[in-house]
Amino acid sequence: MSIQYRRLKIHKTLLIIILSLVLILTRGSHITTFYSLPDASLALFLVGGIYLKNIRFFLAFFLLGLVIDFGASAFDPKLGFCLTKGYWGLIPTYGVLWLSGYFLNYKKLIQKLSIFIPLVSIAIILAFIISTQTYYIFSGRFGNPSFFESMFHGWEYLPQYFFSASAYIILFWLSQHFIITMNLLNFFKKVSIPKV
């Protein structure tokens, strides 16, 4: 096994641990924290799509979120309010972010803010529409609304949904930009001409 392969494996493992911890600390139930941190799930699935790519990691993170949500509702039934048939709409919701991240990495567009920002913004809005509509249509809490009737509900939550996801994604982008910059600085240090 080459040194580079081992480093990549260590980096991937470290990323999985960090993403898992952030998911545990910020998941919507907040039973794991004293402070109510905004849910970072959307950003985590975007980052997962960028760096982990493989669908098995998507499923693993979705299952971790599922365990957190159902576990929280077991301790406090009020936290299970959203655990209805509409909950399964989170699969395509998170899938939109995962695929967006995968696309950004595949096309090497992460550093191109003129593409990164609009694409991620559209992905967040599309994720909002999917999650809101699947909840309103399938939760059973609003009768049996048609798709068009359900489109009139939930829009008041879009600003909070958008800005909390965007804040985490901005933190991610700045962090990875800093890491890339530092690696470039290390590269230039290595190739600098030694003093005689």
N, C-alpha and C. Protein backbone atom coordinates (compact mmCIF):
# COMPACT_ATOMS: atom_id res chain seq x y z
N MET A 1 0.85 -1.18 0.00
CA MET A 1 0.00 0.00 0.00
C MET A 1 0.89 1.24 0.00
N SER A 2 0.68 2.15 -0.94
CA SER A 2 1.53 3.32 -1.05
C SER A 2 1.22 4.31 0.07
N ILE A 3 2.18 5.20 0.32
CA ILE A 3 2.01 6.23 1.36
C ILE A 3 0.87 7.16 0.99
N GLN A 4 0.77 7.51 -0.29
CA GLN A 4 -0.29 8.41 -0.73
C GLN A 4 -1.67 7.78 -0.51
N TYR A 5 -1.81 6.50 -0.79
CA TYR A 5 -3.08 5.81 -0.59
C TYR A 5 -3.43 5.78 0.90
N ARG A 6 -2.43 5.53 1.75
CA ARG A 6 -2.68 5.52 3.20
C ARG A 6 -3.11 6.90 3.69
N ARG A 7 -2.48 7.93 3.17
CA ARG A 7 -2.85 9.30 3.55
C ARG A 7 -4.30 9.60 3.14
N LEU A 8 -4.66 9.21 1.92
CA LEU A 8 -6.03 9.43 1.46
C LEU A 8 -7.03 8.69 2.34
N LYS A 9 -6.69 7.47 2.73
CA LYS A 9 -7.55 6.67 3.59
C LYS A 9 -7.71 7.33 4.96
N ILE A 10 -6.62 7.83 5.51
CA ILE A 10 -6.66 8.54 6.80
C ILE A 10 -7.50 9.79 6.69
N HIS A 11 -7.31 10.56 5.61
CA HIS A 11 -8.09 11.79 5.41
C HIS A 11 -9.58 11.48 5.28
N LYS A 12 -9.91 10.43 4.55
CA LYS A 12 -11.32 10.05 4.37
C LYS A 12 -11.92 9.61 5.70
N THR A 13 -11.19 8.82 6.46
CA THR A 13 -11.67 8.38 7.77
C THR A 13 -11.88 9.57 8.70
N LEU A 14 -10.94 10.49 8.71
CA LEU A 14 -11.06 11.69 9.53
C LEU A 14 -12.27 12.52 9.12
N LEU A 15 -12.49 12.65 7.81
CA LEU A 15 -13.65 13.39 7.32
C LEU A 15 -14.95 12.72 7.75
N ILE A 16 -15.02 11.40 7.66
CA ILE A 16 -16.22 10.68 8.08
C ILE A 16 -16.50 10.91 9.56
N ILE A 17 -15.45 10.87 10.38
CA ILE A 17 -15.62 11.10 11.82
C ILE A 17 -16.11 12.52 12.08
N ILE A 18 -15.51 13.50 11.42
CA ILE A 18 -15.90 14.90 11.62
C ILE A 18 -17.35 15.12 11.18
N LEU A 19 -17.71 14.63 10.00
CA LEU A 19 -19.08 14.80 9.51
C LEU A 19 -20.08 14.12 10.44
N SER A 20 -19.73 12.96 10.94
CA SER A 20 -20.62 12.24 11.86
C SER A 20 -20.82 13.02 13.14
N LEU A 21 -19.74 13.56 13.69
CA LEU A 21 -19.84 14.35 14.93
C LEU A 21 -20.68 15.60 14.73
N VAL A 22 -20.47 16.28 13.60
CA VAL A 22 -21.26 17.49 13.32
C VAL A 22 -22.74 17.13 13.16
N LEU A 23 -23.02 16.01 12.50
CA LEU A 23 -24.40 15.57 12.35
C LEU A 23 -25.02 15.29 13.72
N ILE A 24 -24.29 14.60 14.58
CA ILE A 24 -24.80 14.29 15.92
C ILE A 24 -25.05 15.57 16.72
N LEU A 25 -24.14 16.53 16.60
CA LEU A 25 -24.25 17.76 17.40
C LEU A 25 -25.29 18.75 16.89
N THR A 26 -25.64 18.64 15.61
CA THR A 26 -26.53 19.67 15.05
C THR A 26 -27.87 19.14 14.55
N ARG A 27 -28.07 17.84 14.64
CA ARG A 27 -29.32 17.27 14.10
C ARG A 27 -30.52 17.95 14.76
N GLY A 28 -31.59 18.07 14.04
CA GLY A 28 -32.77 18.81 14.46
C GLY A 28 -33.30 18.54 15.84
N SER A 29 -33.05 17.37 16.40
CA SER A 29 -33.60 17.05 17.71
C SER A 29 -32.88 17.79 18.83
N HIS A 30 -31.60 18.01 18.67
CA HIS A 30 -30.79 18.74 19.64
C HIS A 30 -30.77 18.13 21.04
N ILE A 31 -31.06 16.84 21.17
CA ILE A 31 -30.97 16.27 22.51
C ILE A 31 -29.51 16.03 22.90
N THR A 32 -28.60 16.12 21.92
CA THR A 32 -27.20 15.86 22.22
C THR A 32 -26.45 17.13 22.60
N THR A 33 -27.09 18.29 22.54
CA THR A 33 -26.40 19.54 22.86
C THR A 33 -27.22 20.37 23.84
N PHE A 34 -26.51 21.23 24.54
CA PHE A 34 -27.17 22.15 25.45
C PHE A 34 -27.71 23.36 24.69
N TYR A 35 -27.08 23.67 23.58
CA TYR A 35 -27.49 24.81 22.77
C TYR A 35 -28.12 24.30 21.49
N SER A 36 -29.09 25.01 21.02
CA SER A 36 -29.81 24.59 19.82
C SER A 36 -29.07 25.09 18.58
N LEU A 37 -28.14 24.28 18.10
CA LEU A 37 -27.39 24.64 16.90
C LEU A 37 -28.25 24.37 15.68
N PRO A 38 -28.15 25.20 14.66
CA PRO A 38 -28.90 24.93 13.42
C PRO A 38 -28.47 23.60 12.81
N ASP A 39 -29.40 22.94 12.19
CA ASP A 39 -29.16 21.63 11.57
C ASP A 39 -28.19 21.79 10.40
N ALA A 40 -27.11 21.02 10.42
CA ALA A 40 -26.09 21.09 9.37
C ALA A 40 -26.25 19.98 8.33
N SER A 41 -27.36 19.25 8.36
CA SER A 41 -27.51 18.08 7.49
C SER A 41 -27.32 18.40 6.01
N LEU A 42 -27.92 19.48 5.54
CA LEU A 42 -27.80 19.81 4.11
C LEU A 42 -26.35 20.03 3.72
N ALA A 43 -25.63 20.79 4.52
CA ALA A 43 -24.22 21.06 4.22
C ALA A 43 -23.41 19.77 4.28
N LEU A 44 -23.71 18.91 5.25
CA LEU A 44 -22.95 17.67 5.39
C LEU A 44 -23.15 16.75 4.20
N PHE A 45 -24.37 16.71 3.67
CA PHE A 45 -24.60 15.87 2.49
C PHE A 45 -23.93 16.47 1.26
N LEU A 46 -23.85 17.78 1.17
CA LEU A 46 -23.12 18.42 0.07
C LEU A 46 -21.64 18.06 0.16
N VAL A 47 -21.06 18.21 1.36
CA VAL A 47 -19.65 17.89 1.56
C VAL A 47 -19.40 16.41 1.31
N GLY A 48 -20.31 15.56 1.75
CA GLY A 48 -20.19 14.13 1.49
C GLY A 48 -20.16 13.83 0.01
N GLY A 49 -21.02 14.49 -0.75
CA GLY A 49 -21.03 14.30 -2.19
C GLY A 49 -19.74 14.75 -2.84
N ILE A 50 -19.14 15.80 -2.30
CA ILE A 50 -17.89 16.31 -2.85
C ILE A 50 -16.74 15.35 -2.59
N TYR A 51 -16.60 14.92 -1.34
CA TYR A 51 -15.39 14.18 -0.97
C TYR A 51 -15.57 12.67 -0.82
N LEU A 52 -16.74 12.22 -0.44
CA LEU A 52 -16.92 10.78 -0.21
C LEU A 52 -17.50 10.07 -1.43
N LYS A 53 -18.31 10.76 -2.18
CA LYS A 53 -18.87 10.34 -3.47
C LYS A 53 -19.72 9.08 -3.43
N ASN A 54 -19.22 8.00 -2.90
CA ASN A 54 -19.86 6.70 -2.97
C ASN A 54 -21.23 6.69 -2.28
N ILE A 55 -22.21 6.05 -2.89
CA ILE A 55 -23.58 6.01 -2.39
C ILE A 55 -23.67 5.33 -1.02
N ARG A 56 -22.75 4.44 -0.72
CA ARG A 56 -22.81 3.77 0.59
C ARG A 56 -22.59 4.76 1.72
N PHE A 57 -21.80 5.80 1.49
CA PHE A 57 -21.61 6.83 2.52
C PHE A 57 -22.88 7.68 2.66
N PHE A 58 -23.54 7.93 1.54
CA PHE A 58 -24.83 8.64 1.60
C PHE A 58 -25.80 7.86 2.48
N LEU A 59 -25.90 6.56 2.23
CA LEU A 59 -26.81 5.71 3.01
C LEU A 59 -26.40 5.67 4.48
N ALA A 60 -25.10 5.61 4.74
CA ALA A 60 -24.62 5.56 6.13
C ALA A 60 -24.99 6.84 6.88
N PHE A 61 -24.82 8.00 6.24
CA PHE A 61 -25.17 9.25 6.91
C PHE A 61 -26.69 9.40 7.06
N PHE A 62 -27.44 8.92 6.08
CA PHE A 62 -28.89 8.97 6.22
C PHE A 62 -29.32 8.08 7.38
N LEU A 63 -28.74 6.90 7.49
CA LEU A 63 -29.08 5.99 8.59
C LEU A 63 -28.67 6.58 9.94
N LEU A 64 -27.55 7.27 10.00
CA LEU A 64 -27.14 7.93 11.24
C LEU A 64 -28.17 8.99 11.64
N GLY A 65 -28.61 9.79 10.66
CA GLY A 65 -29.66 10.78 10.94
C GLY A 65 -30.95 10.12 11.40
N LEU A 66 -31.28 9.01 10.78
CA LEU A 66 -32.49 8.26 11.14
C LEU A 66 -32.41 7.77 12.59
N VAL A 67 -31.27 7.21 12.96
CA VAL A 67 -31.07 6.73 14.33
C VAL A 67 -31.18 7.89 15.32
N ILE A 68 -30.57 9.03 14.98
CA ILE A 68 -30.64 10.19 15.87
C ILE A 68 -32.09 10.65 16.03
N ASP A 69 -32.81 10.77 14.92
CA ASP A 69 -34.20 11.26 14.98
C ASP A 69 -35.12 10.32 15.73
N PHE A 70 -35.06 9.04 15.40
CA PHE A 70 -35.94 8.08 16.07
C PHE A 70 -35.51 7.86 17.52
N GLY A 71 -34.21 7.91 17.78
CA GLY A 71 -33.72 7.80 19.15
C GLY A 71 -34.17 8.98 20.00
N ALA A 72 -34.11 10.18 19.42
CA ALA A 72 -34.55 11.37 20.15
C ALA A 72 -36.03 11.29 20.46
N SER A 73 -36.83 10.81 19.51
CA SER A 73 -38.28 10.72 19.74
C SER A 73 -38.61 9.65 20.78
N ALA A 74 -37.74 8.67 20.94
CA ALA A 74 -37.96 7.65 21.98
C ALA A 74 -37.78 8.27 23.36
N PHE A 75 -36.84 9.22 23.48
CA PHE A 75 -36.61 9.89 24.77
C PHE A 75 -37.63 10.99 25.02
N ASP A 76 -38.03 11.69 23.95
CA ASP A 76 -39.00 12.78 24.08
C ASP A 76 -39.96 12.71 22.89
N PRO A 77 -41.17 12.18 23.10
CA PRO A 77 -42.12 11.99 21.99
C PRO A 77 -42.44 13.27 21.22
N LYS A 78 -42.30 14.43 21.83
CA LYS A 78 -42.55 15.69 21.11
C LYS A 78 -41.58 15.87 19.95
N LEU A 79 -40.37 15.31 20.08
CA LEU A 79 -39.37 15.43 19.02
C LEU A 79 -39.69 14.56 17.81
N GLY A 80 -40.69 13.69 17.93
CA GLY A 80 -41.08 12.82 16.83
C GLY A 80 -42.18 13.38 15.97
N PHE A 81 -42.48 14.67 16.12
CA PHE A 81 -43.58 15.29 15.38
C PHE A 81 -43.44 15.11 13.87
N CYS A 82 -42.23 15.18 13.37
CA CYS A 82 -42.01 15.09 11.92
C CYS A 82 -41.80 13.66 11.43
N LEU A 83 -41.83 12.70 12.34
CA LEU A 83 -41.58 11.31 11.95
C LEU A 83 -42.87 10.68 11.44
N THR A 84 -43.19 11.01 10.20
CA THR A 84 -44.38 10.52 9.53
C THR A 84 -43.94 9.89 8.21
N LYS A 85 -44.90 9.53 7.37
CA LYS A 85 -44.56 9.02 6.03
C LYS A 85 -43.82 10.08 5.22
N GLY A 86 -44.06 11.34 5.53
CA GLY A 86 -43.36 12.42 4.83
C GLY A 86 -41.87 12.48 5.15
N TYR A 87 -41.46 11.82 6.23
CA TYR A 87 -40.04 11.81 6.62
C TYR A 87 -39.17 11.24 5.50
N TRP A 88 -39.70 10.27 4.76
CA TRP A 88 -38.91 9.62 3.72
C TRP A 88 -38.60 10.55 2.56
N GLY A 89 -39.24 11.71 2.53
CA GLY A 89 -38.88 12.73 1.54
C GLY A 89 -37.48 13.28 1.76
N LEU A 90 -36.90 12.97 2.93
CA LEU A 90 -35.53 13.42 3.18
C LEU A 90 -34.51 12.69 2.30
N ILE A 91 -34.86 11.52 1.83
CA ILE A 91 -33.93 10.78 0.95
C ILE A 91 -33.66 11.58 -0.33
N PRO A 92 -34.71 11.99 -1.10
CA PRO A 92 -34.40 12.81 -2.27
C PRO A 92 -33.91 14.21 -1.90
N THR A 93 -34.34 14.72 -0.74
CA THR A 93 -33.88 16.04 -0.29
C THR A 93 -32.36 16.03 -0.14
N TYR A 94 -31.85 15.07 0.62
CA TYR A 94 -30.41 14.98 0.81
C TYR A 94 -29.71 14.51 -0.46
N GLY A 95 -30.40 13.73 -1.27
CA GLY A 95 -29.83 13.28 -2.53
C GLY A 95 -29.50 14.44 -3.46
N VAL A 96 -30.33 15.46 -3.46
CA VAL A 96 -30.08 16.65 -4.28
C VAL A 96 -28.75 17.30 -3.89
N LEU A 97 -28.51 17.40 -2.58
CA LEU A 97 -27.25 18.01 -2.12
C LEU A 97 -26.06 17.10 -2.41
N TRP A 98 -26.23 15.81 -2.19
CA TRP A 98 -25.14 14.85 -2.45
C TRP A 98 -24.75 14.89 -3.93
N LEU A 99 -25.73 14.84 -4.81
CA LEU A 99 -25.44 14.87 -6.25
C LEU A 99 -24.84 16.21 -6.67
N SER A 100 -25.28 17.29 -6.06
CA SER A 100 -24.70 18.60 -6.37
C SER A 100 -23.23 18.63 -5.98
N GLY A 101 -22.92 18.10 -4.79
CA GLY A 101 -21.53 18.03 -4.36
C GLY A 101 -20.69 17.16 -5.28
N TYR A 102 -21.25 16.01 -5.65
CA TYR A 102 -20.56 15.10 -6.56
C TYR A 102 -20.27 15.81 -7.89
N PHE A 103 -21.28 16.52 -8.43
CA PHE A 103 -21.12 17.24 -9.69
C PHE A 103 -20.05 18.32 -9.58
N LEU A 104 -20.08 19.09 -8.47
CA LEU A 104 -19.10 20.15 -8.28
C LEU A 104 -17.67 19.59 -8.26
N ASN A 105 -17.48 18.46 -7.61
CA ASN A 105 -16.16 17.86 -7.56
C ASN A 105 -15.77 17.26 -8.91
N TYR A 106 -16.70 16.54 -9.53
CA TYR A 106 -16.43 15.89 -10.81
C TYR A 106 -16.02 16.90 -11.88
N LYS A 107 -16.70 18.04 -11.88
CA LYS A 107 -16.40 19.08 -12.88
C LYS A 107 -15.34 20.07 -12.39
N LYS A 108 -14.82 19.83 -11.19
CA LYS A 108 -13.78 20.68 -10.59
C LYS A 108 -14.24 22.14 -10.51
N LEU A 109 -15.43 22.33 -9.94
CA LEU A 109 -16.03 23.67 -9.87
C LEU A 109 -16.10 24.23 -8.45
N ILE A 110 -15.48 23.55 -7.51
CA ILE A 110 -15.61 23.97 -6.11
C ILE A 110 -14.99 25.34 -5.90
N GLN A 111 -13.90 25.63 -6.53
CA GLN A 111 -13.22 26.92 -6.35
C GLN A 111 -13.81 28.03 -7.23
N LYS A 112 -14.68 27.69 -8.17
CA LYS A 112 -15.27 28.70 -9.05
C LYS A 112 -16.57 29.22 -8.43
N LEU A 113 -16.44 30.28 -7.63
CA LEU A 113 -17.60 30.79 -6.88
C LEU A 113 -18.74 31.22 -7.78
N SER A 114 -18.43 31.67 -9.00
CA SER A 114 -19.49 32.10 -9.92
C SER A 114 -20.40 30.94 -10.32
N ILE A 115 -19.93 29.72 -10.18
CA ILE A 115 -20.75 28.54 -10.45
C ILE A 115 -21.17 27.88 -9.14
N PHE A 116 -20.25 27.81 -8.18
CA PHE A 116 -20.52 27.15 -6.90
C PHE A 116 -21.72 27.77 -6.19
N ILE A 117 -21.75 29.09 -6.06
CA ILE A 117 -22.82 29.76 -5.30
C ILE A 117 -24.19 29.55 -5.95
N PRO A 118 -24.37 29.81 -7.25
CA PRO A 118 -25.70 29.59 -7.82
C PRO A 118 -26.14 28.13 -7.78
N LEU A 119 -25.22 27.20 -8.06
CA LEU A 119 -25.58 25.79 -8.07
C LEU A 119 -26.01 25.32 -6.67
N VAL A 120 -25.25 25.71 -5.67
CA VAL A 120 -25.59 25.31 -4.30
C VAL A 120 -26.89 25.99 -3.86
N SER A 121 -27.09 27.23 -4.23
CA SER A 121 -28.33 27.93 -3.88
C SER A 121 -29.54 27.24 -4.49
N ILE A 122 -29.44 26.87 -5.74
CA ILE A 122 -30.54 26.15 -6.41
C ILE A 122 -30.77 24.80 -5.74
N ALA A 123 -29.68 24.11 -5.36
CA ALA A 123 -29.80 22.80 -4.70
C ALA A 123 -30.51 22.94 -3.36
N ILE A 124 -30.18 23.99 -2.60
CA ILE A 124 -30.83 24.20 -1.29
C ILE A 124 -32.32 24.49 -1.48
N ILE A 125 -32.65 25.34 -2.45
CA ILE A 125 -34.07 25.66 -2.68
C ILE A 125 -34.83 24.43 -3.17
N LEU A 126 -34.22 23.65 -4.05
CA LEU A 126 -34.87 22.42 -4.52
C LEU A 126 -35.05 21.43 -3.36
N ALA A 127 -34.04 21.32 -2.50
CA ALA A 127 -34.15 20.45 -1.32
C ALA A 127 -35.28 20.93 -0.42
N PHE A 128 -35.42 22.24 -0.26
CA PHE A 128 -36.50 22.79 0.57
C PHE A 128 -37.87 22.41 -0.02
N ILE A 129 -38.00 22.58 -1.31
CA ILE A 129 -39.29 22.26 -1.96
C ILE A 129 -39.61 20.78 -1.79
N ILE A 130 -38.64 19.91 -2.00
CA ILE A 130 -38.88 18.47 -1.86
C ILE A 130 -39.27 18.13 -0.43
N SER A 131 -38.48 18.61 0.55
CA SER A 131 -38.76 18.23 1.94
C SER A 131 -40.09 18.81 2.42
N THR A 132 -40.37 20.04 2.06
CA THR A 132 -41.62 20.68 2.49
C THR A 132 -42.83 20.00 1.85
N GLN A 133 -42.75 19.75 0.56
CA GLN A 133 -43.90 19.19 -0.14
C GLN A 133 -44.15 17.73 0.26
N THR A 134 -43.09 16.96 0.43
CA THR A 134 -43.31 15.57 0.85
C THR A 134 -43.90 15.53 2.25
N TYR A 135 -43.50 16.47 3.10
CA TYR A 135 -44.08 16.51 4.45
C TYR A 135 -45.57 16.88 4.38
N TYR A 136 -45.89 17.94 3.65
CA TYR A 136 -47.29 18.38 3.58
C TYR A 136 -48.19 17.36 2.89
N ILE A 137 -47.67 16.68 1.90
CA ILE A 137 -48.51 15.73 1.16
C ILE A 137 -48.63 14.39 1.88
N PHE A 138 -47.53 13.89 2.46
CA PHE A 138 -47.53 12.53 2.99
C PHE A 138 -47.62 12.40 4.51
N SER A 139 -47.51 13.51 5.24
CA SER A 139 -47.49 13.39 6.70
C SER A 139 -48.84 13.01 7.29
N GLY A 140 -49.93 13.32 6.59
CA GLY A 140 -51.25 13.04 7.11
C GLY A 140 -51.73 14.08 8.12
N ARG A 141 -50.95 15.10 8.32
CA ARG A 141 -51.31 16.15 9.29
C ARG A 141 -52.11 17.29 8.66
N PHE A 142 -52.25 17.26 7.36
CA PHE A 142 -52.93 18.36 6.65
C PHE A 142 -54.03 17.84 5.73
N GLY A 143 -54.64 16.74 6.10
CA GLY A 143 -55.65 16.14 5.23
C GLY A 143 -54.97 15.48 4.05
N ASN A 144 -55.58 15.62 2.90
CA ASN A 144 -55.00 15.07 1.67
C ASN A 144 -54.85 16.18 0.63
N PRO A 145 -53.89 17.09 0.84
CA PRO A 145 -53.75 18.19 -0.12
C PRO A 145 -53.19 17.69 -1.45
N SER A 146 -53.59 18.33 -2.51
CA SER A 146 -52.98 18.03 -3.81
C SER A 146 -51.61 18.69 -3.83
N PHE A 147 -50.83 18.36 -4.84
CA PHE A 147 -49.51 18.97 -4.97
C PHE A 147 -49.63 20.49 -5.06
N PHE A 148 -50.59 20.97 -5.84
CA PHE A 148 -50.75 22.42 -6.02
C PHE A 148 -51.21 23.10 -4.74
N GLU A 149 -52.06 22.44 -3.96
CA GLU A 149 -52.49 23.01 -2.68
C GLU A 149 -51.32 23.05 -1.70
N SER A 150 -50.51 22.02 -1.72
CA SER A 150 -49.38 21.96 -0.79
C SER A 150 -48.32 23.02 -1.11
N MET A 151 -48.28 23.46 -2.36
CA MET A 151 -47.28 24.46 -2.75
C MET A 151 -47.48 25.80 -2.06
N PHE A 152 -48.63 26.03 -1.47
CA PHE A 152 -48.89 27.29 -0.79
C PHE A 152 -48.44 27.26 0.67
N HIS A 153 -47.98 26.12 1.16
CA HIS A 153 -47.63 25.97 2.56
C HIS A 153 -46.12 25.91 2.77
N GLY A 154 -45.67 26.43 3.88
CA GLY A 154 -44.30 26.24 4.32
C GLY A 154 -43.28 27.26 3.86
N TRP A 155 -43.65 28.17 2.98
CA TRP A 155 -42.67 29.09 2.42
C TRP A 155 -42.07 30.03 3.46
N GLU A 156 -42.76 30.22 4.58
CA GLU A 156 -42.24 31.10 5.62
C GLU A 156 -40.96 30.53 6.26
N TYR A 157 -40.73 29.22 6.06
CA TYR A 157 -39.53 28.60 6.62
C TYR A 157 -38.33 28.66 5.69
N LEU A 158 -38.53 29.07 4.45
CA LEU A 158 -37.43 29.08 3.47
C LEU A 158 -36.25 29.95 3.90
N PRO A 159 -36.47 31.20 4.36
CA PRO A 159 -35.28 32.00 4.73
C PRO A 159 -34.39 31.33 5.79
N GLN A 160 -34.99 30.80 6.84
CA GLN A 160 -34.21 30.15 7.88
C GLN A 160 -33.51 28.90 7.33
N TYR A 161 -34.23 28.12 6.56
CA TYR A 161 -33.70 26.90 5.94
C TYR A 161 -32.50 27.24 5.07
N PHE A 162 -32.68 28.27 4.23
CA PHE A 162 -31.64 28.66 3.28
C PHE A 162 -30.42 29.23 3.99
N PHE A 163 -30.64 30.14 4.94
CA PHE A 163 -29.51 30.82 5.56
C PHE A 163 -28.71 29.92 6.50
N SER A 164 -29.38 29.00 7.20
CA SER A 164 -28.61 28.12 8.08
C SER A 164 -27.77 27.15 7.24
N ALA A 165 -28.34 26.60 6.18
CA ALA A 165 -27.57 25.71 5.29
C ALA A 165 -26.43 26.49 4.63
N SER A 166 -26.71 27.70 4.18
CA SER A 166 -25.69 28.52 3.52
C SER A 166 -24.55 28.87 4.46
N ALA A 167 -24.87 29.15 5.72
CA ALA A 167 -23.82 29.50 6.69
C ALA A 167 -22.84 28.34 6.86
N TYR A 168 -23.35 27.13 7.00
CA TYR A 168 -22.46 25.98 7.13
C TYR A 168 -21.67 25.75 5.84
N ILE A 169 -22.30 25.94 4.71
CA ILE A 169 -21.60 25.72 3.43
C ILE A 169 -20.52 26.78 3.23
N ILE A 170 -20.77 28.01 3.66
CA ILE A 170 -19.74 29.06 3.58
C ILE A 170 -18.56 28.69 4.48
N LEU A 171 -18.85 28.21 5.70
CA LEU A 171 -17.77 27.77 6.59
C LEU A 171 -16.96 26.64 5.96
N PHE A 172 -17.66 25.69 5.34
CA PHE A 172 -16.96 24.61 4.65
C PHE A 172 -16.08 25.17 3.54
N TRP A 173 -16.62 26.06 2.70
CA TRP A 173 -15.88 26.56 1.56
C TRP A 173 -14.64 27.32 2.03
N LEU A 174 -14.80 28.16 3.04
CA LEU A 174 -13.66 28.92 3.55
C LEU A 174 -12.60 27.99 4.14
N SER A 175 -13.04 26.94 4.86
CA SER A 175 -12.10 25.99 5.45
C SER A 175 -11.31 25.25 4.38
N GLN A 176 -12.01 24.73 3.37
CA GLN A 176 -11.29 23.98 2.34
C GLN A 176 -10.43 24.92 1.50
N HIS A 177 -10.85 26.16 1.31
CA HIS A 177 -10.03 27.13 0.57
C HIS A 177 -8.75 27.42 1.35
N PHE A 178 -8.88 27.57 2.67
CA PHE A 178 -7.71 27.80 3.52
C PHE A 178 -6.76 26.62 3.46
N ILE A 179 -7.29 25.41 3.52
CA ILE A 179 -6.45 24.20 3.46
C ILE A 179 -5.72 24.12 2.13
N ILE A 180 -6.42 24.41 1.06
CA ILE A 180 -5.79 24.39 -0.27
C ILE A 180 -4.68 25.43 -0.34
N THR A 181 -4.97 26.62 0.17
CA THR A 181 -3.98 27.69 0.16
C THR A 181 -2.76 27.30 0.98
N MET A 182 -2.99 26.70 2.14
CA MET A 182 -1.86 26.29 2.98
C MET A 182 -1.04 25.20 2.29
N ASN A 183 -1.68 24.30 1.61
CA ASN A 183 -0.95 23.27 0.87
C ASN A 183 -0.10 23.89 -0.23
N LEU A 184 -0.63 24.91 -0.89
CA LEU A 184 0.15 25.61 -1.90
C LEU A 184 1.35 26.30 -1.27
N LEU A 185 1.14 26.89 -0.08
CA LEU A 185 2.25 27.54 0.60
C LEU A 185 3.33 26.51 0.96
N ASN A 186 2.90 25.34 1.43
CA ASN A 186 3.87 24.28 1.75
C ASN A 186 4.62 23.84 0.50
N PHE A 187 3.89 23.77 -0.62
CA PHE A 187 4.54 23.39 -1.87
C PHE A 187 5.64 24.38 -2.23
N PHE A 188 5.35 25.68 -2.12
CA PHE A 188 6.35 26.69 -2.47
C PHE A 188 7.52 26.67 -1.50
N LYS A 189 7.28 26.33 -0.23
CA LYS A 189 8.38 26.22 0.73
C LYS A 189 9.30 25.08 0.34
N LYS A 190 8.72 23.97 -0.14
CA LYS A 190 9.51 22.80 -0.49
C LYS A 190 10.39 23.05 -1.72
N VAL A 191 9.88 23.86 -2.65
CA VAL A 191 10.65 24.07 -3.89
C VAL A 191 11.46 25.37 -3.86
N SER A 192 11.49 26.05 -2.71
CA SER A 192 12.28 27.28 -2.65
C SER A 192 13.77 26.95 -2.73
N ILE A 193 14.52 27.88 -3.20
CA ILE A 193 15.95 27.66 -3.39
C ILE A 193 16.64 27.73 -2.02
N PRO A 194 17.38 26.72 -1.66
CA PRO A 194 18.05 26.75 -0.34
C PRO A 194 19.12 27.83 -0.28
N LYS A 195 19.28 28.37 0.94
CA LYS A 195 20.32 29.39 1.13
C LYS A 195 21.69 28.72 1.15
N VAL A 196 22.68 29.39 0.56
CA VAL A 196 24.03 28.83 0.51
C VAL A 196 24.91 29.50 1.55
